[in-house]
Amino acid sequence: MKIYYTLLLLLVASFSQAQIVNIPDANFKFALLNGIVSDTDGDDNADSTVDTNNDGEIQVSEAEAVTNLRLWDYNIDSIEGIESFINIEIFRTSDNNLSSVDFSENLNLEFYSSHRENLMNVNVSQNINLISLNLIENNLTNLDVTNNSNLLYLDITGNFFFKY
């Protein structure tokens, strides 16, 4: 019987660990845990951290609850883990160190804005709901928006699309 309870405890512990989003970039995780970066009342202003239960981790349920995220000036190199934010509709970044972003798992994304990053690669090829894409003052040399049939606004000023 002791073995049964031990195995049950291990199973429960491993299941609970699977509910935590892996966020390798320490600055991205810091912003989600401590920064006022999420809009929870729908007024388009950040008013909360993502860590709503204050346990020092981001559970899948917490990530899935986020629809509007703003990450300004957190020195973030990678947003790996963003794929767990499956309900995100609005995502803004500015003045970080992002060189690549992949939103292929964020199918509800409607608005993405990134100013003064180091972006060289942006994957929005699966984001058919994308309406507005602002990639201002980055390091982009190409961008594929052929699948973004709902895209109404695109601003790519300050990038390197034109070579002389």
Foldseek 3Di string as FASTA:
>chain_A
DVVVVVVVVVVVVVVVVVQFQDFPWPLLLCCQLPNQWADQPPPLDRDDHLPPVNPSTHGLVSLCSGAATEAEQSQTADRRRNLSNQNHAYYEYENHAYQEDACLSNQNHAYYAYYQYAHAYYHCQNNLNHAEYHQEQYAYQDDDCPSNPNHNYYHYYNYNPDDD
